[in-house]
Amino acid sequence: MRDIELLKKASIDVDKGIELLGDIEMYDETLQDFLDESVDRMKRIEASYQNEDMDNYAIDVHAMKGDANYLGFTKLAELSLAHQLKSQEHDLAYVKSHYEELMEEATRVIEVVKKYLSC
């Protein structure tokens, strides 16, 4: 049995995720899907950021926001939403000044999920 407290201690709203997804098994499956997709998504976000491609950047942070909302990653969802809106406005200055915060939170969540799923 996995330790849900590990997620809760990391400020992940597991209860919201389970409520939205139906049960812990579906939640765990969705966490695994998130983890499987996260490596490629992070690479795409990085490439779009480096290329100042706000259109594709917006697509990937939008997808990250959706996953974060469903899984209870509250801070990541908020940061992703802000990046989505600003990149859709082509506000490169905002994206550049807040990029590290977004990537640090995404990396933190990914590491917590990896630890949880390996239990």
PDB file of N, CA and C in Angstrom:
ATOM      1  N   MET A   1       0.847  -1.199   0.000  1.00  0.00           N
ATOM      2  CA  MET A   1       0.000   0.000   0.000  1.00  0.00           C
ATOM      3  C   MET A   1       0.877   1.241   0.000  1.00  0.00           C
ATOM      4  N   ARG A   2       0.578   2.157  -0.878  1.00  0.00           N
ATOM      5  CA  ARG A   2       1.331   3.405  -0.964  1.00  0.00           C
ATOM      6  C   ARG A   2       0.935   4.356   0.153  1.00  0.00           C
ATOM      7  N   ASP A   3       1.851   5.240   0.503  1.00  0.00           N
ATOM      8  CA  ASP A   3       1.652   6.160   1.617  1.00  0.00           C
ATOM      9  C   ASP A   3       1.122   7.505   1.114  1.00  0.00           C
ATOM     10  N   ILE A   4      -0.183   7.685   1.191  1.00  0.00           N
ATOM     11  CA  ILE A   4      -0.824   8.929   0.746  1.00  0.00           C
ATOM     12  C   ILE A   4      -0.319  10.123   1.547  1.00  0.00           C
ATOM     13  N   GLU A   5       0.081   9.887   2.789  1.00  0.00           N
ATOM     14  CA  GLU A   5       0.587  10.983   3.627  1.00  0.00           C
ATOM     15  C   GLU A   5       1.815  11.638   3.006  1.00  0.00           C
ATOM     16  N   LEU A   6       2.586  10.888   2.270  1.00  0.00           N
ATOM     17  CA  LEU A   6       3.750  11.436   1.567  1.00  0.00           C
ATOM     18  C   LEU A   6       3.307  12.566   0.626  1.00  0.00           C
ATOM     19  N   LEU A   7       2.216  12.343  -0.077  1.00  0.00           N
ATOM     20  CA  LEU A   7       1.689  13.357  -0.988  1.00  0.00           C
ATOM     21  C   LEU A   7       1.110  14.538  -0.206  1.00  0.00           C
ATOM     22  N   LYS A   8       0.343  14.231   0.819  1.00  0.00           N
ATOM     23  CA  LYS A   8      -0.286  15.291   1.606  1.00  0.00           C
ATOM     24  C   LYS A   8       0.755  16.191   2.269  1.00  0.00           C
ATOM     25  N   LYS A   9       1.822  15.596   2.777  1.00  0.00           N
ATOM     26  CA  LYS A   9       2.894  16.379   3.404  1.00  0.00           C
ATOM     27  C   LYS A   9       3.606  17.275   2.391  1.00  0.00           C
ATOM     28  N   ALA A  10       3.511  16.917   1.117  1.00  0.00           N
ATOM     29  CA  ALA A  10       4.123  17.712   0.045  1.00  0.00           C
ATOM     30  C   ALA A  10       3.134  18.720  -0.539  1.00  0.00           C
ATOM     31  N   SER A  11       2.063  19.016   0.205  1.00  0.00           N
ATOM     32  CA  SER A  11       1.041  19.995  -0.198  1.00  0.00           C
ATOM     33  C   SER A  11       0.306  19.593  -1.474  1.00  0.00           C
ATOM     34  N   ILE A  12       0.088  18.309  -1.636  1.00  0.00           N
ATOM     35  CA  ILE A  12      -0.702  17.806  -2.756  1.00  0.00           C
ATOM     36  C   ILE A  12      -2.084  17.447  -2.214  1.00  0.00           C
ATOM     37  N   ASP A  13      -3.111  17.979  -2.854  1.00  0.00           N
ATOM     38  CA  ASP A  13      -4.492  17.773  -2.411  1.00  0.00           C
ATOM     39  C   ASP A  13      -5.019  16.450  -2.979  1.00  0.00           C
ATOM     40  N   VAL A  14      -4.583  15.368  -2.343  1.00  0.00           N
ATOM     41  CA  VAL A  14      -4.952  14.028  -2.782  1.00  0.00           C
ATOM     42  C   VAL A  14      -6.467  13.844  -2.767  1.00  0.00           C
ATOM     43  N   ASP A  15      -7.111  14.375  -1.746  1.00  0.00           N
ATOM     44  CA  ASP A  15      -8.561  14.208  -1.629  1.00  0.00           C
ATOM     45  C   ASP A  15      -9.291  14.800  -2.828  1.00  0.00           C
ATOM     46  N   LYS A  16      -8.849  15.955  -3.298  1.00  0.00           N
ATOM     47  CA  LYS A  16      -9.455  16.569  -4.488  1.00  0.00           C
ATOM     48  C   LYS A  16      -9.261  15.653  -5.693  1.00  0.00           C
ATOM     49  N   GLY A  17      -8.045  15.141  -5.850  1.00  0.00           N
ATOM     50  CA  GLY A  17      -7.757  14.251  -6.977  1.00  0.00           C
ATOM     51  C   GLY A  17      -8.618  13.003  -6.958  1.00  0.00           C
ATOM     52  N   ILE A  18      -8.736  12.403  -5.790  1.00  0.00           N
ATOM     53  CA  ILE A  18      -9.552  11.188  -5.675  1.00  0.00           C
ATOM     54  C   ILE A  18     -11.017  11.508  -5.939  1.00  0.00           C
ATOM     55  N   GLU A  19     -11.471  12.647  -5.435  1.00  0.00           N
ATOM     56  CA  GLU A  19     -12.865  13.054  -5.671  1.00  0.00           C
ATOM     57  C   GLU A  19     -13.132  13.220  -7.169  1.00  0.00           C
ATOM     58  N   LEU A  20     -12.205  13.845  -7.875  1.00  0.00           N
ATOM     59  CA  LEU A  20     -12.383  14.079  -9.305  1.00  0.00           C
ATOM     60  C   LEU A  20     -12.246  12.796 -10.132  1.00  0.00           C
ATOM     61  N   LEU A  21     -11.366  11.904  -9.701  1.00  0.00           N
ATOM     62  CA  LEU A  21     -11.065  10.713 -10.502  1.00  0.00           C
ATOM     63  C   LEU A  21     -11.818   9.464 -10.056  1.00  0.00           C
ATOM     64  N   GLY A  22     -12.461   9.519  -8.896  1.00  0.00           N
ATOM     65  CA  GLY A  22     -13.323   8.424  -8.490  1.00  0.00           C
ATOM     66  C   GLY A  22     -12.801   7.548  -7.371  1.00  0.00           C
ATOM     67  N   ASP A  23     -11.543   7.103  -7.463  1.00  0.00           N
ATOM     68  CA  ASP A  23     -10.989   6.258  -6.405  1.00  0.00           C
ATOM     69  C   ASP A  23      -9.462   6.303  -6.455  1.00  0.00           C
ATOM     70  N   ILE A  24      -8.851   5.719  -5.443  1.00  0.00           N
ATOM     71  CA  ILE A  24      -7.392   5.778  -5.331  1.00  0.00           C
ATOM     72  C   ILE A  24      -6.701   5.035  -6.475  1.00  0.00           C
ATOM     73  N   GLU A  25      -7.298   3.972  -6.971  1.00  0.00           N
ATOM     74  CA  GLU A  25      -6.677   3.226  -8.076  1.00  0.00           C
ATOM     75  C   GLU A  25      -6.589   4.099  -9.331  1.00  0.00           C
ATOM     76  N   MET A  26      -7.684   4.793  -9.642  1.00  0.00           N
ATOM     77  CA  MET A  26      -7.680   5.683 -10.810  1.00  0.00           C
ATOM     78  C   MET A  26      -6.725   6.848 -10.574  1.00  0.00           C
ATOM     79  N   TYR A  27      -6.683   7.349  -9.352  1.00  0.00           N
ATOM     80  CA  TYR A  27      -5.755   8.433  -9.014  1.00  0.00           C
ATOM     81  C   TYR A  27      -4.321   7.987  -9.252  1.00  0.00           C
ATOM     82  N   ASP A  28      -3.982   6.794  -8.751  1.00  0.00           N
ATOM     83  CA  ASP A  28      -2.623   6.279  -8.930  1.00  0.00           C
ATOM     84  C   ASP A  28      -2.289   6.070 -10.411  1.00  0.00           C
ATOM     85  N   GLU A  29      -3.244   5.555 -11.170  1.00  0.00           N
ATOM     86  CA  GLU A  29      -3.028   5.370 -12.615  1.00  0.00           C
ATOM     87  C   GLU A  29      -2.778   6.715 -13.300  1.00  0.00           C
ATOM     88  N   THR A  30      -3.551   7.714 -12.915  1.00  0.00           N
ATOM     89  CA  THR A  30      -3.409   9.035 -13.512  1.00  0.00           C
ATOM     90  C   THR A  30      -2.085   9.675 -13.101  1.00  0.00           C
ATOM     91  N   LEU A  31      -1.645   9.431 -11.872  1.00  0.00           N
ATOM     92  CA  LEU A  31      -0.320   9.892 -11.451  1.00  0.00           C
ATOM     93  C   LEU A  31       0.760   9.266 -12.328  1.00  0.00           C
ATOM     94  N   GLN A  32       0.624   7.974 -12.597  1.00  0.00           N
ATOM     95  CA  GLN A  32       1.615   7.296 -13.449  1.00  0.00           C
ATOM     96  C   GLN A  32       1.601   7.881 -14.861  1.00  0.00           C
ATOM     97  N   ASP A  33       0.424   8.139 -15.391  1.00  0.00           N
ATOM     98  CA  ASP A  33       0.316   8.761 -16.718  1.00  0.00           C
ATOM     99  C   ASP A  33       0.990  10.138 -16.714  1.00  0.00           C
ATOM    100  N   PHE A  34       0.744  10.909 -15.659  1.00  0.00           N
ATOM    101  CA  PHE A  34       1.369  12.220 -15.524  1.00  0.00           C
ATOM    102  C   PHE A  34       2.888  12.077 -15.529  1.00  0.00           C
ATOM    103  N   LEU A  35       3.377  11.133 -14.761  1.00  0.00           N
ATOM    104  CA  LEU A  35       4.821  10.921 -14.672  1.00  0.00           C
ATOM    105  C   LEU A  35       5.393  10.498 -16.021  1.00  0.00           C
ATOM    106  N   ASP A  36       4.707   9.594 -16.706  1.00  0.00           N
ATOM    107  CA  ASP A  36       5.166   9.119 -18.018  1.00  0.00           C
ATOM    108  C   ASP A  36       5.253  10.262 -19.024  1.00  0.00           C
ATOM    109  N   GLU A  37       4.300  11.163 -18.979  1.00  0.00           N
ATOM    110  CA  GLU A  37       4.247  12.281 -19.923  1.00  0.00           C
ATOM    111  C   GLU A  37       5.162  13.430 -19.509  1.00  0.00           C
ATOM    112  N   SER A  38       5.472  13.535 -18.240  1.00  0.00           N
ATOM    113  CA  SER A  38       6.148  14.736 -17.732  1.00  0.00           C
ATOM    114  C   SER A  38       7.537  14.963 -18.319  1.00  0.00           C
ATOM    115  N   VAL A  39       8.290  13.911 -18.571  1.00  0.00           N
ATOM    116  CA  VAL A  39       9.636  14.094 -19.117  1.00  0.00           C
ATOM    117  C   VAL A  39       9.568  14.768 -20.485  1.00  0.00           C
ATOM    118  N   ASP A  40       8.731  14.233 -21.361  1.00  0.00           N
ATOM    119  CA  ASP A  40       8.597  14.826 -22.698  1.00  0.00           C
ATOM    120  C   ASP A  40       8.000  16.227 -22.623  1.00  0.00           C
ATOM    121  N   ARG A  41       7.014  16.412 -21.766  1.00  0.00           N
ATOM    122  CA  ARG A  41       6.376  17.729 -21.647  1.00  0.00           C
ATOM    123  C   ARG A  41       7.392  18.768 -21.159  1.00  0.00           C
ATOM    124  N   MET A  42       8.182  18.409 -20.176  1.00  0.00           N
ATOM    125  CA  MET A  42       9.181  19.350 -19.641  1.00  0.00           C
ATOM    126  C   MET A  42      10.189  19.724 -20.733  1.00  0.00           C
ATOM    127  N   LYS A  43      10.578  18.756 -21.545  1.00  0.00           N
ATOM    128  CA  LYS A  43      11.505  19.036 -22.655  1.00  0.00           C
ATOM    129  C   LYS A  43      10.863  19.984 -23.667  1.00  0.00           C
ATOM    130  N   ARG A  44       9.588  19.766 -23.966  1.00  0.00           N
ATOM    131  CA  ARG A  44       8.893  20.645 -24.919  1.00  0.00           C
ATOM    132  C   ARG A  44       8.757  22.052 -24.352  1.00  0.00           C
ATOM    133  N   ILE A  45       8.429  22.158 -23.073  1.00  0.00           N
ATOM    134  CA  ILE A  45       8.313  23.473 -22.442  1.00  0.00           C
ATOM    135  C   ILE A  45       9.653  24.190 -22.495  1.00  0.00           C
ATOM    136  N   GLU A  46      10.708  23.481 -22.160  1.00  0.00           N
ATOM    137  CA  GLU A  46      12.061  24.062 -22.196  1.00  0.00           C
ATOM    138  C   GLU A  46      12.418  24.530 -23.608  1.00  0.00           C
ATOM    139  N   ALA A  47      12.142  23.696 -24.609  1.00  0.00           N
ATOM    140  CA  ALA A  47      12.461  24.057 -25.993  1.00  0.00           C
ATOM    141  C   ALA A  47      11.651  25.277 -26.442  1.00  0.00           C
ATOM    142  N   SER A  48      10.373  25.294 -26.124  1.00  0.00           N
ATOM    143  CA  SER A  48       9.534  26.437 -26.494  1.00  0.00           C
ATOM    144  C   SER A  48      10.018  27.702 -25.798  1.00  0.00           C
ATOM    145  N   TYR A  49      10.399  27.572 -24.537  1.00  0.00           N
ATOM    146  CA  TYR A  49      10.930  28.712 -23.786  1.00  0.00           C
ATOM    147  C   TYR A  49      12.213  29.226 -24.438  1.00  0.00           C
ATOM    148  N   GLN A  50      13.125  28.324 -24.727  1.00  0.00           N
ATOM    149  CA  GLN A  50      14.409  28.719 -25.327  1.00  0.00           C
ATOM    150  C   GLN A  50      14.210  29.380 -26.697  1.00  0.00           C
ATOM    151  N   ASN A  51      13.236  28.886 -27.444  1.00  0.00           N
ATOM    152  CA  ASN A  51      12.964  29.419 -28.784  1.00  0.00           C
ATOM    153  C   ASN A  51      11.989  30.598 -28.773  1.00  0.00           C
ATOM    154  N   GLU A  52      11.551  30.982 -27.580  1.00  0.00           N
ATOM    155  CA  GLU A  52      10.574  32.063 -27.425  1.00  0.00           C
ATOM    156  C   GLU A  52       9.307  31.792 -28.234  1.00  0.00           C
ATOM    157  N   ASP A  53       8.918  30.523 -28.287  1.00  0.00           N
ATOM    158  CA  ASP A  53       7.737  30.062 -29.018  1.00  0.00           C
ATOM    159  C   ASP A  53       6.553  30.020 -28.042  1.00  0.00           C
ATOM    160  N   MET A  54       5.906  31.151 -27.898  1.00  0.00           N
ATOM    161  CA  MET A  54       4.847  31.265 -26.902  1.00  0.00           C
ATOM    162  C   MET A  54       3.598  30.462 -27.262  1.00  0.00           C
ATOM    163  N   ASP A  55       3.373  30.199 -28.541  1.00  0.00           N
ATOM    164  CA  ASP A  55       2.199  29.418 -28.931  1.00  0.00           C
ATOM    165  C   ASP A  55       2.312  27.978 -28.431  1.00  0.00           C
ATOM    166  N   ASN A  56       3.427  27.323 -28.709  1.00  0.00           N
ATOM    167  CA  ASN A  56       3.608  25.948 -28.245  1.00  0.00           C
ATOM    168  C   ASN A  56       3.829  25.883 -26.736  1.00  0.00           C
ATOM    169  N   TYR A  57       4.470  26.884 -26.190  1.00  0.00           N
ATOM    170  CA  TYR A  57       4.643  26.970 -24.743  1.00  0.00           C
ATOM    171  C   TYR A  57       3.275  26.977 -24.067  1.00  0.00           C
ATOM    172  N   ALA A  58       2.362  27.782 -24.605  1.00  0.00           N
ATOM    173  CA  ALA A  58       1.005  27.875 -24.037  1.00  0.00           C
ATOM    174  C   ALA A  58       0.288  26.532 -24.086  1.00  0.00           C
ATOM    175  N   ILE A  59       0.476  25.786 -25.152  1.00  0.00           N
ATOM    176  CA  ILE A  59      -0.171  24.477 -25.290  1.00  0.00           C
ATOM    177  C   ILE A  59       0.296  23.531 -24.188  1.00  0.00           C
ATOM    178  N   ASP A  60       1.602  23.485 -23.963  1.00  0.00           N
ATOM    179  CA  ASP A  60       2.129  22.544 -22.976  1.00  0.00           C
ATOM    180  C   ASP A  60       1.859  22.974 -21.540  1.00  0.00           C
ATOM    181  N   VAL A  61       1.916  24.266 -21.251  1.00  0.00           N
ATOM    182  CA  VAL A  61       1.595  24.669 -19.874  1.00  0.00           C
ATOM    183  C   VAL A  61       0.095  24.519 -19.610  1.00  0.00           C
ATOM    184  N   HIS A  62      -0.715  24.648 -20.646  1.00  0.00           N
ATOM    185  CA  HIS A  62      -2.153  24.379 -20.509  1.00  0.00           C
ATOM    186  C   HIS A  62      -2.377  22.909 -20.133  1.00  0.00           C
ATOM    187  N   ALA A  63      -1.689  22.002 -20.809  1.00  0.00           N
ATOM    188  CA  ALA A  63      -1.810  20.576 -20.496  1.00  0.00           C
ATOM    189  C   ALA A  63      -1.314  20.287 -19.079  1.00  0.00           C
ATOM    190  N   MET A  64      -0.226  20.939 -18.687  1.00  0.00           N
ATOM    191  CA  MET A  64       0.300  20.765 -17.331  1.00  0.00           C
ATOM    192  C   MET A  64      -0.717  21.249 -16.302  1.00  0.00           C
ATOM    193  N   LYS A  65      -1.357  22.372 -16.617  1.00  0.00           N
ATOM    194  CA  LYS A  65      -2.373  22.924 -15.714  1.00  0.00           C
ATOM    195  C   LYS A  65      -3.516  21.941 -15.527  1.00  0.00           C
ATOM    196  N   GLY A  66      -3.964  21.338 -16.606  1.00  0.00           N
ATOM    197  CA  GLY A  66      -5.059  20.373 -16.524  1.00  0.00           C
ATOM    198  C   GLY A  66      -4.704  19.184 -15.652  1.00  0.00           C
ATOM    199  N   ASP A  67      -3.538  18.615 -15.870  1.00  0.00           N
ATOM    200  CA  ASP A  67      -3.089  17.495 -15.038  1.00  0.00           C
ATOM    201  C   ASP A  67      -2.977  17.922 -13.583  1.00  0.00           C
ATOM    202  N   ALA A  68      -2.389  19.080 -13.364  1.00  0.00           N
ATOM    203  CA  ALA A  68      -2.182  19.570 -11.995  1.00  0.00           C
ATOM    204  C   ALA A  68      -3.520  19.758 -11.286  1.00  0.00           C
ATOM    205  N   ASN A  69      -4.513  20.276 -11.985  1.00  0.00           N
ATOM    206  CA  ASN A  69      -5.842  20.455 -11.385  1.00  0.00           C
ATOM    207  C   ASN A  69      -6.454  19.117 -10.982  1.00  0.00           C
ATOM    208  N   TYR A  70      -6.400  18.149 -11.892  1.00  0.00           N
ATOM    209  CA  TYR A  70      -6.996  16.844 -11.617  1.00  0.00           C
ATOM    210  C   TYR A  70      -6.291  16.099 -10.499  1.00  0.00           C
ATOM    211  N   LEU A  71      -4.996  16.304 -10.364  1.00  0.00           N
ATOM    212  CA  LEU A  71      -4.209  15.533  -9.404  1.00  0.00           C
ATOM    213  C   LEU A  71      -4.011  16.242  -8.068  1.00  0.00           C
ATOM    214  N   GLY A  72      -4.506  17.463  -7.954  1.00  0.00           N
ATOM    215  CA  GLY A  72      -4.409  18.167  -6.678  1.00  0.00           C
ATOM    216  C   GLY A  72      -3.081  18.871  -6.461  1.00  0.00           C
ATOM    217  N   PHE A  73      -2.374  19.178  -7.542  1.00  0.00           N
ATOM    218  CA  PHE A  73      -1.113  19.926  -7.444  1.00  0.00           C
ATOM    219  C   PHE A  73      -1.460  21.414  -7.503  1.00  0.00           C
ATOM    220  N   THR A  74      -1.971  21.936  -6.423  1.00  0.00           N
ATOM    221  CA  THR A  74      -2.567  23.264  -6.389  1.00  0.00           C
ATOM    222  C   THR A  74      -1.605  24.360  -6.850  1.00  0.00           C
ATOM    223  N   LYS A  75      -0.407  24.393  -6.299  1.00  0.00           N
ATOM    224  CA  LYS A  75       0.540  25.453  -6.665  1.00  0.00           C
ATOM    225  C   LYS A  75       0.948  25.330  -8.127  1.00  0.00           C
ATOM    226  N   LEU A  76       1.203  24.115  -8.596  1.00  0.00           N
ATOM    227  CA  LEU A  76       1.581  23.923  -9.993  1.00  0.00           C
ATOM    228  C   LEU A  76       0.440  24.333 -10.921  1.00  0.00           C
ATOM    229  N   ALA A  77      -0.790  24.059 -10.529  1.00  0.00           N
ATOM    230  CA  ALA A  77      -1.950  24.457 -11.340  1.00  0.00           C
ATOM    231  C   ALA A  77      -2.033  25.978 -11.443  1.00  0.00           C
ATOM    232  N   GLU A  78      -1.821  26.666 -10.321  1.00  0.00           N
ATOM    233  CA  GLU A  78      -1.876  28.136 -10.323  1.00  0.00           C
ATOM    234  C   GLU A  78      -0.759  28.729 -11.182  1.00  0.00           C
ATOM    235  N   LEU A  79       0.446  28.219 -11.016  1.00  0.00           N
ATOM    236  CA  LEU A  79       1.573  28.725 -11.805  1.00  0.00           C
ATOM    237  C   LEU A  79       1.372  28.446 -13.288  1.00  0.00           C
ATOM    238  N   SER A  80       0.914  27.237 -13.607  1.00  0.00           N
ATOM    239  CA  SER A  80       0.683  26.868 -15.008  1.00  0.00           C
ATOM    240  C   SER A  80      -0.384  27.740 -15.647  1.00  0.00           C
ATOM    241  N   LEU A  81      -1.450  28.030 -14.901  1.00  0.00           N
ATOM    242  CA  LEU A  81      -2.507  28.899 -15.422  1.00  0.00           C
ATOM    243  C   LEU A  81      -1.941  30.278 -15.742  1.00  0.00           C
ATOM    244  N   ALA A  82      -1.170  30.837 -14.828  1.00  0.00           N
ATOM    245  CA  ALA A  82      -0.586  32.163 -15.077  1.00  0.00           C
ATOM    246  C   ALA A  82       0.300  32.129 -16.321  1.00  0.00           C
ATOM    247  N   HIS A  83       1.101  31.094 -16.453  1.00  0.00           N
ATOM    248  CA  HIS A  83       1.974  30.984 -17.629  1.00  0.00           C
ATOM    249  C   HIS A  83       1.169  30.779 -18.907  1.00  0.00           C
ATOM    250  N   GLN A  84       0.107  30.005 -18.799  1.00  0.00           N
ATOM    251  CA  GLN A  84      -0.744  29.804 -19.978  1.00  0.00           C
ATOM    252  C   GLN A  84      -1.311  31.133 -20.453  1.00  0.00           C
ATOM    253  N   LEU A  85      -1.905  31.881 -19.537  1.00  0.00           N
ATOM    254  CA  LEU A  85      -2.538  33.148 -19.912  1.00  0.00           C
ATOM    255  C   LEU A  85      -1.519  34.146 -20.455  1.00  0.00           C
ATOM    256  N   LYS A  86      -0.384  34.252 -19.791  1.00  0.00           N
ATOM    257  CA  LYS A  86       0.630  35.224 -20.228  1.00  0.00           C
ATOM    258  C   LYS A  86       1.265  34.811 -21.550  1.00  0.00           C
ATOM    259  N   SER A  87       1.487  33.516 -21.751  1.00  0.00           N
ATOM    260  CA  SER A  87       2.078  33.096 -23.026  1.00  0.00           C
ATOM    261  C   SER A  87       1.082  33.248 -24.167  1.00  0.00           C
ATOM    262  N   GLN A  88      -0.214  33.086 -23.885  1.00  0.00           N
ATOM    263  CA  GLN A  88      -1.229  33.316 -24.911  1.00  0.00           C
ATOM    264  C   GLN A  88      -1.270  34.791 -25.313  1.00  0.00           C
ATOM    265  N   GLU A  89      -0.900  35.663 -24.376  1.00  0.00           N
ATOM    266  CA  GLU A  89      -0.801  37.099 -24.665  1.00  0.00           C
ATOM    267  C   GLU A  89       0.568  37.466 -25.246  1.00  0.00           C
ATOM    268  N   HIS A  90       1.419  36.460 -25.418  1.00  0.00           N
ATOM    269  CA  HIS A  90       2.797  36.655 -25.891  1.00  0.00           C
ATOM    270  C   HIS A  90       3.579  37.594 -24.971  1.00  0.00           C
ATOM    271  N   ASP A  91       3.328  37.475 -23.673  1.00  0.00           N
ATOM    272  CA  ASP A  91       4.017  38.276 -22.666  1.00  0.00           C
ATOM    273  C   ASP A  91       5.307  37.550 -22.273  1.00  0.00           C
ATOM    274  N   LEU A  92       6.297  37.658 -23.137  1.00  0.00           N
ATOM    275  CA  LEU A  92       7.573  36.979 -22.951  1.00  0.00           C
ATOM    276  C   LEU A  92       8.286  37.449 -21.687  1.00  0.00           C
ATOM    277  N   ALA A  93       8.140  38.710 -21.354  1.00  0.00           N
ATOM    278  CA  ALA A  93       8.792  39.248 -20.152  1.00  0.00           C
ATOM    279  C   ALA A  93       8.286  38.523 -18.903  1.00  0.00           C
ATOM    280  N   TYR A  94       6.976  38.318 -18.811  1.00  0.00           N
ATOM    281  CA  TYR A  94       6.414  37.590 -17.670  1.00  0.00           C
ATOM    282  C   TYR A  94       6.950  36.162 -17.633  1.00  0.00           C
ATOM    283  N   VAL A  95       6.880  35.493 -18.771  1.00  0.00           N
ATOM    284  CA  VAL A  95       7.318  34.096 -18.836  1.00  0.00           C
ATOM    285  C   VAL A  95       8.775  33.989 -18.404  1.00  0.00           C
ATOM    286  N   LYS A  96       9.615  34.867 -18.920  1.00  0.00           N
ATOM    287  CA  LYS A  96      11.042  34.811 -18.568  1.00  0.00           C
ATOM    288  C   LYS A  96      11.270  35.076 -17.088  1.00  0.00           C
ATOM    289  N   SER A  97      10.532  35.996 -16.514  1.00  0.00           N
ATOM    290  CA  SER A  97      10.774  36.348 -15.118  1.00  0.00           C
ATOM    291  C   SER A  97      10.182  35.326 -14.135  1.00  0.00           C
ATOM    292  N   HIS A  98       9.279  34.458 -14.597  1.00  0.00           N
ATOM    293  CA  HIS A  98       8.656  33.480 -13.703  1.00  0.00           C
ATOM    294  C   HIS A  98       8.910  32.026 -14.116  1.00  0.00           C
ATOM    295  N   TYR A  99       9.697  31.846 -15.132  1.00  0.00           N
ATOM    296  CA  TYR A  99       9.953  30.500 -15.674  1.00  0.00           C
ATOM    297  C   TYR A  99      10.577  29.562 -14.643  1.00  0.00           C
ATOM    298  N   GLU A 100      11.599  30.022 -13.951  1.00  0.00           N
ATOM    299  CA  GLU A 100      12.296  29.159 -12.986  1.00  0.00           C
ATOM    300  C   GLU A 100      11.351  28.680 -11.892  1.00  0.00           C
ATOM    301  N   GLU A 101      10.474  29.542 -11.426  1.00  0.00           N
ATOM    302  CA  GLU A 101       9.518  29.158 -10.388  1.00  0.00           C
ATOM    303  C   GLU A 101       8.611  28.027 -10.879  1.00  0.00           C
ATOM    304  N   LEU A 102       8.128  28.147 -12.111  1.00  0.00           N
ATOM    305  CA  LEU A 102       7.283  27.107 -12.690  1.00  0.00           C
ATOM    306  C   LEU A 102       8.035  25.788 -12.789  1.00  0.00           C
ATOM    307  N   MET A 103       9.245  25.835 -13.321  1.00  0.00           N
ATOM    308  CA  MET A 103      10.018  24.613 -13.527  1.00  0.00           C
ATOM    309  C   MET A 103      10.429  23.975 -12.198  1.00  0.00           C
ATOM    310  N   GLU A 104      10.743  24.778 -11.215  1.00  0.00           N
ATOM    311  CA  GLU A 104      11.096  24.235  -9.897  1.00  0.00           C
ATOM    312  C   GLU A 104       9.906  23.524  -9.266  1.00  0.00           C
ATOM    313  N   GLU A 105       8.727  24.108  -9.378  1.00  0.00           N
ATOM    314  CA  GLU A 105       7.538  23.469  -8.801  1.00  0.00           C
ATOM    315  C   GLU A 105       7.193  22.199  -9.568  1.00  0.00           C
ATOM    316  N   ALA A 106       7.286  22.232 -10.888  1.00  0.00           N
ATOM    317  CA  ALA A 106       7.014  21.032 -11.679  1.00  0.00           C
ATOM    318  C   ALA A 106       7.990  19.919 -11.311  1.00  0.00           C
ATOM    319  N   THR A 107       9.254  20.253 -11.174  1.00  0.00           N
ATOM    320  CA  THR A 107      10.268  19.267 -10.807  1.00  0.00           C
ATOM    321  C   THR A 107      10.011  18.719  -9.407  1.00  0.00           C
ATOM    322  N   ARG A 108       9.631  19.590  -8.483  1.00  0.00           N
ATOM    323  CA  ARG A 108       9.335  19.156  -7.117  1.00  0.00           C
ATOM    324  C   ARG A 108       8.184  18.150  -7.115  1.00  0.00           C
ATOM    325  N   VAL A 109       7.122  18.480  -7.834  1.00  0.00           N
ATOM    326  CA  VAL A 109       5.954  17.595  -7.889  1.00  0.00           C
ATOM    327  C   VAL A 109       6.334  16.259  -8.527  1.00  0.00           C
ATOM    328  N   ILE A 110       7.082  16.298  -9.588  1.00  0.00           N
ATOM    329  CA  ILE A 110       7.508  15.067 -10.274  1.00  0.00           C
ATOM    330  C   ILE A 110       8.301  14.176  -9.316  1.00  0.00           C
ATOM    331  N   GLU A 111       9.204  14.762  -8.566  1.00  0.00           N
ATOM    332  CA  GLU A 111      10.015  13.983  -7.623  1.00  0.00           C
ATOM    333  C   GLU A 111       9.152  13.362  -6.522  1.00  0.00           C
ATOM    334  N   VAL A 112       8.181  14.114  -6.020  1.00  0.00           N
ATOM    335  CA  VAL A 112       7.277  13.581  -4.991  1.00  0.00           C
ATOM    336  C   VAL A 112       6.468  12.421  -5.565  1.00  0.00           C
ATOM    337  N   VAL A 113       5.953  12.582  -6.779  1.00  0.00           N
ATOM    338  CA  VAL A 113       5.162  11.533  -7.408  1.00  0.00           C
ATOM    339  C   VAL A 113       6.012  10.286  -7.633  1.00  0.00           C
ATOM    340  N   LYS A 114       7.233  10.470  -8.092  1.00  0.00           N
ATOM    341  CA  LYS A 114       8.140   9.327  -8.283  1.00  0.00           C
ATOM    342  C   LYS A 114       8.335   8.574  -6.964  1.00  0.00           C
ATOM    343  N   LYS A 115       8.587   9.309  -5.903  1.00  0.00           N
ATOM    344  CA  LYS A 115       8.801   8.690  -4.600  1.00  0.00           C
ATOM    345  C   LYS A 115       7.552   7.939  -4.140  1.00  0.00           C
ATOM    346  N   TYR A 116       6.400   8.567  -4.306  1.00  0.00           N
ATOM    347  CA  TYR A 116       5.131   7.943  -3.915  1.00  0.00           C
ATOM    348  C   TYR A 116       4.880   6.659  -4.702  1.00  0.00           C
ATOM    349  N   LEU A 117       5.050   6.716  -6.013  1.00  0.00           N
ATOM    350  CA  LEU A 117       4.756   5.562  -6.848  1.00  0.00           C
ATOM    351  C   LEU A 117       5.752   4.420  -6.662  1.00  0.00           C
ATOM    352  N   SER A 118       6.928   4.723  -6.136  1.00  0.00           N
ATOM    353  CA  SER A 118       7.930   3.686  -5.921  1.00  0.00           C
ATOM    354  C   SER A 118       7.743   2.967  -4.582  1.00  0.00           C
ATOM    355  N   CYS A 119       6.799   3.465  -3.766  1.00  0.00           N
ATOM    356  CA  CYS A 119       6.554   2.836  -2.448  1.00  0.00           C
ATOM    357  C   CYS A 119       5.900   1.469  -2.608  1.00  0.00           C
TER     358      CYS A 119
END
